[in-house]
Amino acid sequence: MATGTEPHTAPMPDVESAHPPVAAWERIAVVVVTAAFGLWLILWAVVVPAFQAPDETAHFDSAVHLAVGDPWAAPGDLRVLNAVQAAAAQQGSVPRDEWSTMTELLAGAPGTSDTVDQMTQHPPTVYAAGAVVLRAVHFGDLRWDHAVLALRVADAVAVTPLAALAWATVRRLTRSPRAGLVGALALFATPELASIGASVSNDAPVLLVAGVVVWLVTRLLTGDLRWRTTVALGLTLSVLVWLKGTGLPAVPFVAIAVLVAGTGTLRLGQRCLRTVVTLGICATLGSWWWVHNLVTTGRVQPNGYTAMRPPADFPSGEGPSLTHFLDVSWGTLTRTFWGSPGIKAQVSIGDLFTAVLTIVVLVVLVAFAFRRGPLLRPVVVLAVFPALLIIVQTATSARAYLTTTEVAATQGRYYFPAVLCLVAISAVAWRRVFPRGRRVVAVVVAIVAPAIGLYGVAVAGNWFWNAAHPLPSGTAVERYRELGPVPPGLVAAVLVLVVVGLVVSAIAVARAPHTAPRGAVEPVRASA
């Protein structure tokens, strides 16, 4: 452990102080896998029917409120526009040719309903951006489902760079071009991530910005001690906490990372200064909404669900059950982390399947990720972010259970801000499971992860458009032609492009070298 009197001349291990250069073939492979991921998100945007993603009606309503000039209401006070409810009603009762434009809906169904739009418990940042998108595409002239699609596509575009960030994070940590590509492909194994990232949601931009935070933290932990990296981390963290409360656990995560980064190279005082500067930037630029909440409501994160889930007592003779709480939490979290699309998470790629996936991943992580070596410190620090999210989510869920008797706030998507941490730690762990067969393991993951994703979109498509029958049919195509936002042929074309991109990416993984040449590295300068 460094002290305040240590010199900063001790060399860092090679894996932490240098970054192998990226060859031309690798850059092309990263472009291909990122494009495939972007098209994958677009595919989800057009496969899931409008308003069938979690809380999508409320998210869309909040953006429309700001787009028409309404103020941002206090938590729990915003009401869903009658126009938005009329749009949802048309979806199931009126032929698509008769669906209205947003202008027609706003004129024909003015005012607000009695239904609470709980999204004002969050900062208005994401919804203000959504309002800008709506105005840019002249949403009043669009049919309502195309207005929803415009916001979905905007979110999909925002999340697309996550694949490149996964590659950059894993490659930086492992120095392996092959592992980096597999890290990007691993994102396909979570259909839920694609479903959320391609819906109208405040989670989508959080995925992108949190991914940038994790990538910058990884750079710091692997020797990039330049001040510009530290400042960039502080600025990015500020943006993250302006988006949603799930970004707040990133604050202590970043503080720990900056304080630890450079141990053995920088003095303790220098590392403390960097930590203070990073948190100072975040406090100056990113804390205003949360200070506002404390002043106006007395809470950092107000509860927009109060009117929807009022306090309730347990039935006479009954009380809270730890077994019930853990059972519901485990089942819901595992299912909704891997793949459970739908407004009420009613579609599942398989409860047993997702439970097995979770157990396998956890066992491998615990058994292999935290072993001694030059990567132990970065891995431990990266594990802090998902650990904090688990603690916060569990506390929130437990409080809701004790207050309302309902096990709520158990959604796997709440862990998605730390998904790159999980991917990076998994990359380290799996490389240790089969040290002599890494190429085989990489190719298997490069095939299996996208296969899970393709299975997930097939399950969702059949559920929504084929009456939940497992096999595609002409009836599903005809139903989509009648009610889908785009022609079925366009959906098929996007799917083909995704598959082609995945095949090319898997071939790149199979041919990629295990580790970039250690003789050709770019030294990273550390400035105090």
Protein backbone atom coordinates (compact mmCIF):
# COMPACT_ATOMS: atom_id res chain seq x y z
CA MET A 1 0.00 0.00 0.00
CA ALA A 2 1.37 3.39 -0.97
CA THR A 3 1.90 6.06 1.67
CA GLY A 4 2.19 9.80 1.48
CA THR A 5 5.99 9.62 1.48
CA GLU A 6 6.47 7.06 -1.31
CA PRO A 7 8.20 8.16 -4.51
CA HIS A 8 6.34 7.56 -7.75
CA THR A 9 9.19 6.00 -9.64
CA ALA A 10 8.25 2.34 -9.13
CA PRO A 11 7.32 0.77 -12.46
CA MET A 12 3.86 -0.65 -12.93
CA PRO A 13 3.54 -4.21 -14.27
CA ASP A 14 3.60 -4.34 -18.07
CA VAL A 15 -0.07 -5.30 -18.23
CA GLU A 16 -0.97 -2.12 -16.37
CA SER A 17 1.40 0.38 -17.94
CA ALA A 18 1.13 -0.19 -21.68
CA HIS A 19 -1.53 -0.74 -24.27
CA PRO A 20 -0.85 -2.89 -27.33
CA PRO A 21 -1.53 -1.12 -30.62
CA VAL A 22 -4.63 -2.06 -32.57
CA ALA A 23 -4.03 -3.65 -35.96
CA ALA A 24 -6.09 -2.77 -39.04
CA TRP A 25 -7.90 -6.12 -39.08
CA GLU A 26 -8.96 -5.61 -35.47
CA ARG A 27 -10.34 -2.16 -36.16
CA ILE A 28 -12.41 -3.59 -39.01
CA ALA A 29 -13.64 -6.42 -36.78
CA VAL A 30 -14.68 -3.93 -34.08
CA VAL A 31 -16.59 -1.87 -36.67
CA VAL A 32 -18.35 -5.01 -37.90
CA VAL A 33 -19.38 -6.25 -34.44
CA THR A 34 -20.50 -2.74 -33.40
CA ALA A 35 -22.57 -2.36 -36.57
CA ALA A 36 -24.09 -5.79 -35.97
CA PHE A 37 -24.95 -4.76 -32.41
CA GLY A 38 -26.56 -1.54 -33.65
CA LEU A 39 -28.65 -3.43 -36.20
CA TRP A 40 -29.49 -5.94 -33.48
CA LEU A 41 -30.94 -3.10 -31.41
CA ILE A 42 -32.90 -1.80 -34.39
CA LEU A 43 -34.31 -5.30 -34.86
CA TRP A 44 -35.63 -5.27 -31.29
CA ALA A 45 -37.04 -1.78 -31.84
CA VAL A 46 -39.27 -3.03 -34.66
CA VAL A 47 -40.09 -6.51 -33.28
CA VAL A 48 -41.54 -5.51 -29.90
CA PRO A 49 -44.93 -3.75 -30.37
CA ALA A 50 -45.27 -0.15 -29.26
CA PHE A 51 -45.88 0.37 -25.53
CA GLN A 52 -44.94 -3.27 -24.80
CA ALA A 53 -41.58 -2.46 -23.20
CA PRO A 54 -41.45 -1.83 -19.42
CA ASP A 55 -42.97 1.55 -18.50
CA GLU A 56 -42.76 2.61 -22.15
CA THR A 57 -46.10 4.42 -22.09
CA ALA A 58 -44.90 6.56 -19.19
CA HIS A 59 -41.49 7.22 -20.76
CA PHE A 60 -43.10 8.26 -24.05
CA ASP A 61 -45.67 10.38 -22.23
CA SER A 62 -42.95 12.25 -20.33
CA ALA A 63 -41.11 13.10 -23.55
CA VAL A 64 -44.33 14.28 -25.21
CA HIS A 65 -45.17 16.47 -22.21
CA LEU A 66 -41.88 18.32 -22.63
CA ALA A 67 -42.17 18.35 -26.43
CA VAL A 68 -45.48 20.24 -26.23
CA GLY A 69 -44.07 22.68 -23.67
CA ASP A 70 -45.45 21.33 -20.39
CA PRO A 71 -43.31 21.88 -17.26
CA TRP A 72 -41.60 19.05 -15.37
CA ALA A 73 -44.02 18.23 -12.54
CA ALA A 74 -43.19 17.23 -8.99
CA PRO A 75 -42.64 13.49 -8.33
CA GLY A 76 -45.95 11.63 -8.51
CA ASP A 77 -47.89 14.66 -9.79
CA LEU A 78 -47.56 14.16 -13.54
CA ARG A 79 -50.53 12.57 -15.28
CA VAL A 80 -50.53 10.64 -18.55
CA LEU A 81 -51.81 12.63 -21.51
CA ASN A 82 -55.19 11.57 -22.84
CA ALA A 83 -53.61 11.61 -26.28
CA VAL A 84 -51.09 8.96 -25.26
CA GLN A 85 -53.81 6.80 -23.76
CA ALA A 86 -55.85 7.23 -26.95
CA ALA A 87 -52.86 6.01 -28.95
CA ALA A 88 -52.57 2.91 -26.81
CA ALA A 89 -56.33 2.31 -27.22
CA GLN A 90 -56.09 2.55 -31.01
CA GLN A 91 -53.44 -0.15 -31.06
CA GLY A 92 -55.89 -2.86 -30.13
CA SER A 93 -59.17 -1.56 -31.51
CA VAL A 94 -58.58 0.33 -34.77
CA PRO A 95 -57.01 -0.85 -38.05
CA ARG A 96 -53.53 0.57 -38.56
CA ASP A 97 -54.65 2.55 -41.62
CA GLU A 98 -56.89 4.53 -39.29
CA TRP A 99 -54.31 5.24 -36.62
CA SER A 100 -53.97 8.95 -35.89
CA THR A 101 -51.04 11.32 -36.02
CA MET A 102 -49.84 12.84 -32.79
CA THR A 103 -51.36 16.20 -33.73
CA GLU A 104 -54.74 14.55 -34.30
CA LEU A 105 -54.51 12.76 -30.96
CA LEU A 106 -53.52 15.87 -29.05
CA ALA A 107 -56.40 17.79 -30.61
CA GLY A 108 -58.96 15.01 -30.33
CA ALA A 109 -58.03 13.92 -26.80
CA PRO A 110 -56.77 17.04 -24.99
CA GLY A 111 -55.76 17.25 -21.37
CA THR A 112 -54.53 14.61 -18.97
CA SER A 113 -55.98 11.46 -17.47
CA ASP A 114 -56.03 10.34 -13.85
CA THR A 115 -53.23 7.84 -14.48
CA VAL A 116 -49.96 8.73 -12.74
CA ASP A 117 -46.83 9.10 -14.86
CA GLN A 118 -44.22 8.23 -12.25
CA MET A 119 -41.23 9.32 -14.33
CA THR A 120 -40.90 12.72 -12.66
CA GLN A 121 -39.15 10.89 -9.84
CA HIS A 122 -36.18 10.99 -12.27
CA PRO A 123 -34.22 13.98 -13.61
CA PRO A 124 -35.79 15.48 -16.76
CA THR A 125 -32.55 15.11 -18.75
CA VAL A 126 -33.46 12.03 -20.79
CA TYR A 127 -36.97 13.26 -21.47
CA ALA A 128 -35.72 16.68 -22.56
CA ALA A 129 -33.46 14.90 -25.05
CA GLY A 130 -36.45 12.83 -26.17
CA ALA A 131 -38.46 16.02 -26.66
CA VAL A 132 -35.67 17.39 -28.87
CA VAL A 133 -35.79 14.21 -30.97
CA LEU A 134 -39.58 14.42 -31.28
CA ARG A 135 -39.45 18.01 -32.41
CA ALA A 136 -36.60 17.30 -34.83
CA VAL A 137 -38.68 14.65 -36.62
CA HIS A 138 -41.84 16.84 -36.51
CA PHE A 139 -43.62 14.28 -34.40
CA GLY A 140 -46.98 16.00 -34.76
CA ASP A 141 -47.07 14.91 -38.40
CA LEU A 142 -46.11 11.32 -37.57
CA ARG A 143 -48.50 8.50 -36.87
CA TRP A 144 -48.23 7.80 -33.16
CA ASP A 145 -46.46 4.42 -33.59
CA HIS A 146 -43.85 6.10 -35.79
CA ALA A 147 -43.32 8.74 -33.10
CA VAL A 148 -42.67 5.91 -30.64
CA LEU A 149 -40.35 4.28 -33.17
CA ALA A 150 -38.40 7.53 -33.60
CA LEU A 151 -37.54 7.55 -29.90
CA ARG A 152 -36.75 3.83 -29.97
CA VAL A 153 -34.33 4.29 -32.85
CA ALA A 154 -32.72 7.25 -31.09
CA ASP A 155 -32.15 5.07 -28.01
CA ALA A 156 -30.81 2.23 -30.16
CA VAL A 157 -28.33 4.59 -31.81
CA ALA A 158 -27.25 5.84 -28.39
CA VAL A 159 -26.63 2.32 -27.08
CA THR A 160 -24.82 1.05 -30.20
CA PRO A 161 -21.32 2.21 -29.07
CA LEU A 162 -21.64 -0.07 -26.03
CA ALA A 163 -20.23 -2.92 -28.13
CA ALA A 164 -17.11 -0.93 -28.98
CA LEU A 165 -16.78 0.07 -25.33
CA ALA A 166 -17.02 -3.59 -24.28
CA TRP A 167 -14.23 -4.44 -26.73
CA ALA A 168 -12.08 -1.52 -25.54
CA THR A 169 -12.60 -2.35 -21.86
CA VAL A 170 -11.85 -6.07 -22.15
CA ARG A 171 -8.93 -5.53 -24.50
CA ARG A 172 -7.40 -2.93 -22.22
CA LEU A 173 -7.72 -5.24 -19.24
CA THR A 174 -6.54 -8.47 -20.87
CA ARG A 175 -4.35 -7.13 -23.72
CA SER A 176 -6.00 -9.76 -25.92
CA PRO A 177 -7.57 -8.80 -29.28
CA ARG A 178 -9.52 -12.05 -29.22
CA ALA A 179 -10.88 -11.49 -25.73
CA GLY A 180 -11.86 -7.94 -26.67
CA LEU A 181 -13.99 -9.14 -29.59
CA VAL A 182 -15.57 -11.83 -27.45
CA GLY A 183 -16.40 -9.16 -24.86
CA ALA A 184 -18.36 -7.24 -27.48
CA LEU A 185 -20.16 -10.38 -28.66
CA ALA A 186 -21.02 -11.30 -25.06
CA LEU A 187 -23.56 -8.46 -25.04
CA PHE A 188 -25.74 -10.47 -27.41
CA ALA A 189 -26.25 -13.09 -24.68
CA THR A 190 -28.60 -10.74 -22.82
CA PRO A 191 -31.70 -10.23 -24.98
CA GLU A 192 -33.14 -8.10 -22.18
CA LEU A 193 -30.36 -5.57 -22.64
CA ALA A 194 -31.25 -5.22 -26.32
CA SER A 195 -34.95 -5.01 -25.55
CA ILE A 196 -34.42 -2.22 -23.01
CA GLY A 197 -31.77 -0.45 -25.08
CA ALA A 198 -34.10 -0.33 -28.09
CA SER A 199 -37.20 0.84 -26.22
CA VAL A 200 -38.35 4.29 -25.12
CA SER A 201 -36.63 4.30 -21.76
CA ASN A 202 -34.34 6.35 -19.54
CA ASP A 203 -32.17 3.23 -19.16
CA ALA A 204 -30.81 3.44 -22.72
CA PRO A 205 -28.60 6.53 -22.37
CA VAL A 206 -27.54 5.29 -18.93
CA LEU A 207 -26.12 2.19 -20.63
CA LEU A 208 -23.95 4.31 -22.91
CA VAL A 209 -22.66 6.82 -20.36
CA ALA A 210 -22.10 4.17 -17.68
CA GLY A 211 -20.17 2.20 -20.27
CA VAL A 212 -17.89 5.18 -20.88
CA VAL A 213 -17.37 5.51 -17.11
CA VAL A 214 -16.35 1.85 -16.82
CA TRP A 215 -14.01 2.14 -19.82
CA LEU A 216 -12.30 5.23 -18.34
CA VAL A 217 -12.02 3.53 -14.94
CA THR A 218 -10.39 0.54 -16.62
CA ARG A 219 -7.89 2.83 -18.33
CA LEU A 220 -6.98 4.36 -14.99
CA LEU A 221 -6.62 0.98 -13.34
CA THR A 222 -4.34 -0.25 -16.13
CA GLY A 223 -1.89 2.63 -16.03
CA ASP A 224 -3.41 5.59 -17.89
CA LEU A 225 -2.74 8.12 -15.15
CA ARG A 226 -2.92 11.24 -17.28
CA TRP A 227 -4.88 14.13 -15.85
CA ARG A 228 -7.02 14.36 -18.97
CA THR A 229 -8.29 10.84 -18.34
CA THR A 230 -9.13 11.69 -14.75
CA VAL A 231 -10.92 14.89 -15.74
CA ALA A 232 -12.80 13.08 -18.51
CA LEU A 233 -13.96 10.54 -15.93
CA GLY A 234 -15.26 13.31 -13.66
CA LEU A 235 -17.14 14.94 -16.54
CA THR A 236 -18.65 11.65 -17.71
CA LEU A 237 -19.69 10.78 -14.17
CA SER A 238 -21.45 14.15 -13.96
CA VAL A 239 -23.46 13.32 -17.08
CA LEU A 240 -24.34 9.88 -15.72
CA VAL A 241 -25.81 11.14 -12.45
CA TRP A 242 -27.89 13.68 -14.38
CA LEU A 243 -29.63 10.83 -16.22
CA LYS A 244 -31.04 8.52 -13.55
CA GLY A 245 -30.64 7.45 -9.94
CA THR A 246 -29.09 4.15 -11.00
CA GLY A 247 -26.04 6.22 -11.89
CA LEU A 248 -25.52 7.36 -8.29
CA PRO A 249 -23.75 4.15 -7.15
CA ALA A 250 -21.12 4.97 -9.77
CA VAL A 251 -19.98 7.88 -7.58
CA PRO A 252 -18.39 5.77 -4.78
CA PHE A 253 -17.24 3.28 -7.43
CA VAL A 254 -15.34 6.02 -9.27
CA ALA A 255 -13.97 7.43 -6.02
CA ILE A 256 -12.51 4.04 -5.07
CA ALA A 257 -11.12 3.53 -8.57
CA VAL A 258 -9.34 6.89 -8.72
CA LEU A 259 -7.97 6.45 -5.21
CA VAL A 260 -6.60 3.00 -6.03
CA ALA A 261 -5.33 3.76 -9.55
CA GLY A 262 -1.59 4.35 -9.60
CA THR A 263 -0.83 2.61 -6.32
CA GLY A 264 2.92 2.05 -6.33
CA THR A 265 3.44 4.79 -8.92
CA LEU A 266 1.72 7.83 -7.41
CA ARG A 267 1.94 8.98 -3.81
CA LEU A 268 -1.13 8.65 -1.63
CA GLY A 269 -1.47 12.42 -1.52
CA GLN A 270 -1.46 12.60 -5.31
CA ARG A 271 -4.10 9.93 -5.56
CA CYS A 272 -6.23 11.69 -2.96
CA LEU A 273 -5.94 14.93 -4.92
CA ARG A 274 -7.11 13.17 -8.08
CA THR A 275 -10.04 11.68 -6.19
CA VAL A 276 -11.04 15.07 -4.79
CA VAL A 277 -10.81 16.66 -8.24
CA THR A 278 -12.92 13.92 -9.84
CA LEU A 279 -15.62 14.08 -7.18
CA GLY A 280 -15.43 17.86 -7.16
CA ILE A 281 -16.20 17.97 -10.88
CA CYS A 282 -19.15 15.64 -10.34
CA ALA A 283 -20.42 17.62 -7.35
CA THR A 284 -20.13 20.91 -9.22
CA LEU A 285 -21.74 19.77 -12.46
CA GLY A 286 -23.84 16.74 -11.60
CA SER A 287 -25.33 17.13 -8.14
CA TRP A 288 -27.84 19.91 -8.70
CA TRP A 289 -30.88 17.73 -9.35
CA TRP A 290 -30.23 15.60 -6.29
CA VAL A 291 -29.63 18.64 -4.07
CA HIS A 292 -32.90 20.01 -5.43
CA ASN A 293 -34.63 16.78 -4.37
CA LEU A 294 -33.21 17.00 -0.87
CA VAL A 295 -34.33 20.60 -0.50
CA THR A 296 -37.83 20.12 -1.94
CA THR A 297 -38.71 16.58 -0.81
CA GLY A 298 -36.20 15.68 1.87
CA ARG A 299 -35.10 12.64 -0.14
CA VAL A 300 -32.38 12.09 -2.70
CA GLN A 301 -34.66 9.90 -4.84
CA PRO A 302 -38.38 10.66 -4.39
CA ASN A 303 -40.86 7.86 -4.91
CA GLY A 304 -43.03 8.39 -7.95
CA TYR A 305 -44.95 5.20 -7.20
CA THR A 306 -46.54 6.41 -3.96
CA ALA A 307 -49.91 6.97 -5.58
CA MET A 308 -49.68 3.63 -7.38
CA ARG A 309 -48.38 1.51 -4.51
CA PRO A 310 -49.59 3.07 -1.27
CA PRO A 311 -48.44 1.68 2.08
CA ALA A 312 -50.27 -1.44 3.18
CA ASP A 313 -50.27 -3.79 6.15
CA PHE A 314 -49.67 -7.51 5.96
CA PRO A 315 -52.79 -9.66 6.46
CA SER A 316 -53.69 -10.52 10.02
CA GLY A 317 -51.46 -13.27 11.35
CA GLU A 318 -48.96 -12.86 8.53
CA GLY A 319 -45.76 -10.90 8.30
CA PRO A 320 -42.80 -10.40 6.04
CA SER A 321 -41.15 -13.64 4.94
CA LEU A 322 -37.46 -13.70 4.12
CA THR A 323 -37.96 -16.92 2.14
CA HIS A 324 -40.69 -15.35 0.02
CA PHE A 325 -38.63 -12.21 -0.52
CA LEU A 326 -35.55 -14.12 -1.65
CA ASP A 327 -37.54 -16.51 -3.83
CA VAL A 328 -39.33 -13.73 -5.72
CA SER A 329 -36.18 -11.61 -5.96
CA TRP A 330 -34.04 -14.43 -7.33
CA GLY A 331 -36.59 -15.59 -9.87
CA THR A 332 -37.44 -12.11 -11.09
CA LEU A 333 -33.89 -10.80 -11.23
CA THR A 334 -32.42 -13.75 -13.11
CA ARG A 335 -35.27 -13.79 -15.59
CA THR A 336 -35.35 -10.05 -16.24
CA PHE A 337 -31.58 -9.74 -16.47
CA TRP A 338 -31.12 -12.28 -19.26
CA GLY A 339 -34.33 -12.05 -21.21
CA SER A 340 -37.89 -11.24 -20.22
CA PRO A 341 -39.32 -8.61 -22.58
CA GLY A 342 -42.81 -7.21 -22.34
CA ILE A 343 -44.59 -4.48 -20.45
CA LYS A 344 -44.91 -6.80 -17.45
CA ALA A 345 -41.91 -8.99 -18.28
CA GLN A 346 -44.43 -11.57 -19.42
CA VAL A 347 -42.17 -13.04 -22.11
CA SER A 348 -39.36 -15.30 -20.92
CA ILE A 349 -36.57 -17.18 -22.63
CA GLY A 350 -36.97 -19.77 -19.86
CA ASP A 351 -36.88 -19.49 -16.08
CA LEU A 352 -34.73 -22.59 -15.68
CA PHE A 353 -32.46 -21.50 -18.52
CA THR A 354 -31.84 -18.06 -17.03
CA ALA A 355 -31.32 -19.52 -13.55
CA VAL A 356 -28.69 -21.93 -14.90
CA LEU A 357 -26.97 -19.14 -16.82
CA THR A 358 -26.82 -17.04 -13.66
CA ILE A 359 -25.45 -19.86 -11.53
CA VAL A 360 -22.77 -20.79 -14.07
CA VAL A 361 -21.61 -17.19 -14.44
CA LEU A 362 -21.53 -16.60 -10.68
CA VAL A 363 -19.60 -19.80 -10.00
CA VAL A 364 -17.00 -18.99 -12.65
CA LEU A 365 -16.62 -15.42 -11.42
CA VAL A 366 -16.23 -16.35 -7.77
CA ALA A 367 -13.88 -19.26 -8.46
CA PHE A 368 -11.59 -17.72 -11.09
CA ALA A 369 -11.87 -13.92 -11.35
CA PHE A 370 -10.37 -12.93 -8.00
CA ARG A 371 -7.13 -14.87 -8.01
CA ARG A 372 -3.79 -13.29 -7.18
CA GLY A 373 -1.95 -11.63 -10.02
CA PRO A 374 -1.47 -8.28 -11.74
CA LEU A 375 -5.18 -8.10 -12.59
CA LEU A 376 -6.50 -8.68 -9.06
CA ARG A 377 -6.69 -5.00 -8.17
CA PRO A 378 -8.57 -3.92 -11.34
CA VAL A 379 -10.96 -6.88 -11.04
CA VAL A 380 -11.76 -6.14 -7.39
CA VAL A 381 -12.40 -2.47 -8.16
CA LEU A 382 -14.58 -3.28 -11.16
CA ALA A 383 -16.62 -5.61 -8.96
CA VAL A 384 -17.49 -2.69 -6.67
CA PHE A 385 -19.98 -1.17 -9.14
CA PRO A 386 -22.27 -4.21 -9.55
CA ALA A 387 -21.93 -4.93 -5.83
CA LEU A 388 -23.19 -1.43 -5.00
CA LEU A 389 -26.09 -1.81 -7.43
CA ILE A 390 -27.04 -5.11 -5.79
CA ILE A 391 -26.95 -3.52 -2.33
CA VAL A 392 -29.00 -0.48 -3.37
CA GLN A 393 -31.53 -2.52 -5.34
CA THR A 394 -31.97 -5.06 -2.54
CA ALA A 395 -32.44 -2.31 0.05
CA THR A 396 -35.02 -0.57 -2.15
CA SER A 397 -36.88 -3.79 -2.79
CA ALA A 398 -36.83 -4.76 0.88
CA ARG A 399 -38.15 -1.35 1.90
CA ALA A 400 -40.97 -1.63 -0.65
CA TYR A 401 -41.82 -5.12 0.60
CA LEU A 402 -41.98 -4.04 4.23
CA THR A 403 -44.00 -0.95 3.36
CA THR A 404 -46.42 -2.24 0.70
CA THR A 405 -46.25 -6.06 1.20
CA GLU A 406 -45.23 -6.30 -2.47
CA VAL A 407 -41.78 -7.45 -3.59
CA ALA A 408 -41.16 -4.63 -6.07
CA ALA A 409 -38.17 -2.97 -7.77
CA THR A 410 -36.70 -6.36 -8.66
CA GLN A 411 -35.65 -5.82 -12.24
CA GLY A 412 -32.48 -7.18 -13.80
CA ARG A 413 -32.16 -4.07 -15.96
CA TYR A 414 -31.19 -2.10 -12.86
CA TYR A 415 -27.82 -3.89 -13.07
CA PHE A 416 -27.20 -2.94 -16.69
CA PRO A 417 -25.22 0.23 -15.83
CA ALA A 418 -22.50 -2.16 -14.61
CA VAL A 419 -22.81 -4.64 -17.48
CA LEU A 420 -19.34 -3.79 -18.81
CA CYS A 421 -17.88 -4.49 -15.37
CA LEU A 422 -19.48 -7.92 -15.48
CA VAL A 423 -18.26 -8.54 -19.04
CA ALA A 424 -14.69 -7.51 -18.17
CA ILE A 425 -14.55 -9.59 -14.98
CA SER A 426 -16.04 -12.55 -16.83
CA ALA A 427 -13.37 -12.23 -19.52
CA VAL A 428 -10.64 -12.52 -16.90
CA ALA A 429 -12.38 -15.47 -15.23
CA TRP A 430 -13.11 -17.53 -18.34
CA ARG A 431 -9.54 -17.12 -19.62
CA ARG A 432 -8.42 -18.86 -16.44
CA VAL A 433 -10.92 -21.72 -16.61
CA PHE A 434 -9.25 -23.26 -19.67
CA PRO A 435 -5.79 -21.65 -19.92
CA ARG A 436 -4.67 -24.09 -22.64
CA GLY A 437 -7.85 -23.91 -24.69
CA ARG A 438 -8.61 -20.22 -24.79
CA ARG A 439 -9.15 -20.11 -28.55
CA VAL A 440 -11.72 -22.89 -28.37
CA VAL A 441 -13.50 -21.24 -25.44
CA ALA A 442 -13.49 -17.88 -27.24
CA VAL A 443 -15.01 -19.37 -30.40
CA VAL A 444 -17.64 -21.22 -28.37
CA VAL A 445 -18.66 -18.03 -26.57
CA ALA A 446 -18.61 -16.09 -29.85
CA ILE A 447 -21.17 -18.57 -31.19
CA VAL A 448 -23.24 -19.31 -28.08
CA ALA A 449 -23.72 -15.70 -26.93
CA PRO A 450 -25.27 -14.52 -30.24
CA ALA A 451 -27.26 -17.78 -30.41
CA ILE A 452 -28.88 -16.91 -27.08
CA GLY A 453 -29.67 -13.48 -28.47
CA LEU A 454 -31.22 -14.87 -31.65
CA TYR A 455 -33.24 -17.31 -29.56
CA GLY A 456 -34.43 -14.41 -27.43
CA VAL A 457 -35.66 -12.33 -30.36
CA ALA A 458 -37.37 -15.41 -31.82
CA VAL A 459 -39.20 -16.01 -28.54
CA ALA A 460 -40.27 -12.36 -28.36
CA GLY A 461 -41.35 -12.23 -31.99
CA ASN A 462 -43.39 -15.41 -31.72
CA TRP A 463 -44.98 -14.25 -28.48
CA PHE A 464 -46.13 -10.90 -29.81
CA TRP A 465 -46.89 -11.76 -33.43
CA ASN A 466 -47.55 -15.50 -33.50
CA ALA A 467 -49.86 -15.97 -30.50
CA ALA A 468 -46.89 -17.32 -28.47
CA HIS A 469 -46.50 -20.36 -30.75
CA PRO A 470 -42.84 -21.45 -30.82
CA LEU A 471 -42.50 -21.79 -34.61
CA PRO A 472 -42.82 -18.92 -37.11
CA SER A 473 -45.82 -18.97 -39.41
CA GLY A 474 -47.43 -17.08 -42.25
CA THR A 475 -50.03 -15.88 -39.77
CA ALA A 476 -47.33 -14.06 -37.81
CA VAL A 477 -46.03 -12.36 -40.96
CA GLU A 478 -49.53 -11.29 -41.92
CA ARG A 479 -50.26 -9.97 -38.45
CA TYR A 480 -47.02 -8.00 -38.49
CA ARG A 481 -47.89 -6.63 -41.92
CA GLU A 482 -51.17 -5.39 -40.47
CA LEU A 483 -49.91 -3.91 -37.20
CA GLY A 484 -46.11 -3.62 -37.36
CA PRO A 485 -44.38 -0.24 -37.74
CA VAL A 486 -42.35 -1.25 -40.84
CA PRO A 487 -42.76 -3.79 -43.69
CA PRO A 488 -41.87 -7.41 -42.74
CA GLY A 489 -39.30 -7.48 -45.55
CA LEU A 490 -37.33 -4.75 -43.84
CA VAL A 491 -37.30 -6.73 -40.60
CA ALA A 492 -36.00 -9.78 -42.48
CA ALA A 493 -33.29 -7.68 -44.16
CA VAL A 494 -32.08 -6.33 -40.82
CA LEU A 495 -32.02 -9.85 -39.38
CA VAL A 496 -29.92 -11.10 -42.30
CA LEU A 497 -27.43 -8.27 -41.87
CA VAL A 498 -27.17 -9.02 -38.15
CA VAL A 499 -26.47 -12.71 -38.82
CA VAL A 500 -23.86 -11.84 -41.45
CA GLY A 501 -22.16 -9.47 -39.02
CA LEU A 502 -22.15 -12.12 -36.30
CA VAL A 503 -20.68 -14.75 -38.61
CA VAL A 504 -17.90 -12.38 -39.71
CA SER A 505 -17.23 -11.51 -36.06
CA ALA A 506 -17.04 -15.17 -35.04
CA ILE A 507 -14.56 -15.83 -37.85
CA ALA A 508 -12.48 -12.87 -36.64
CA VAL A 509 -12.46 -14.34 -33.13
CA ALA A 510 -11.33 -17.73 -34.47
CA ARG A 511 -8.43 -16.16 -36.39
CA ALA A 512 -7.45 -13.52 -33.82
CA PRO A 513 -4.15 -13.83 -31.93
CA HIS A 514 -4.32 -14.59 -28.24
CA THR A 515 -2.32 -11.53 -27.22
CA ALA A 516 -0.94 -8.58 -29.14
CA PRO A 517 2.88 -8.56 -29.53
CA ARG A 518 4.45 -7.30 -26.34
CA GLY A 519 7.37 -5.78 -28.19
CA ALA A 520 5.24 -3.13 -29.86
CA VAL A 521 3.51 -1.06 -27.21
CA GLU A 522 2.58 2.54 -26.70
CA PRO A 523 3.77 3.77 -23.30
CA VAL A 524 1.21 5.60 -21.22
CA ARG A 525 2.45 8.76 -19.60
CA ALA A 526 1.59 9.37 -15.96
CA SER A 527 1.52 12.99 -14.92
CA ALA A 528 0.99 14.02 -11.35
